[in-house]
């Protein structure tokens, strides 16, 4: 994925990015609250307009496409699980809007549930699950969407630090194992340390990704101040 001379302008807020992300990478967007991390994801997904520049996937420009036509799946903060549908039915929405999924679709749902550790919970309602289990269900649905680029907009922010890092590790295992490229938003350097590389979002600029250990051990001056180093 490439953001080429990208500029975003929203209500007086401006953000610039010019970077390339290697396919299959697990990349953190790290920076303080309000820096524009979620705005970057929303521009990639098509939820906010691009003022200039382009978003490209495998060399093809995608910022001119509507959100549903982009090769992108997004895991949001609220998980977007429908409370009146079972966990299995929620996940099946990634495949079909029919009330009764086919046998093949049901098999795919069961496999996705097992992959995220919810193999026996398909018949339960979302409200009976813990926060971590709801996050796993939402991850299973993203897995079935079969999009090559996955955006994580702080979907685990309501979880404690231990569960949050457990979910990031699961995302890396499940999505990375499926060959997906993942961009995730974080303001916590310990979470960002799980990434292959980190792009720093600060002072209206998104930096090109660098190896996570390198960024955290020797941060540039704007990030150094944020991290208190």
Foldseek 3Di string as FASTA:
>chain_A
DFFCQWWAADPNAIATEGADDDFLFAEEAADDPPLCQVVVVCQLLQNGAIPDTFDDDPRHTDSVDHNVPALEAEQEQQLPADQVAFLLVSLLVLPDPDPDDDPVSSVLSLVLCVLLPNNPRRRHGPVVDDLLSSSSSSLSSSLSNPRQEYEYENNPVVPDPVSSLVVSVSCSCSNSVVRHHYYYYDHDLVSRLVTQWYFYRHPRYTHYTDGSVVCVVDNDDVVCVSVVD
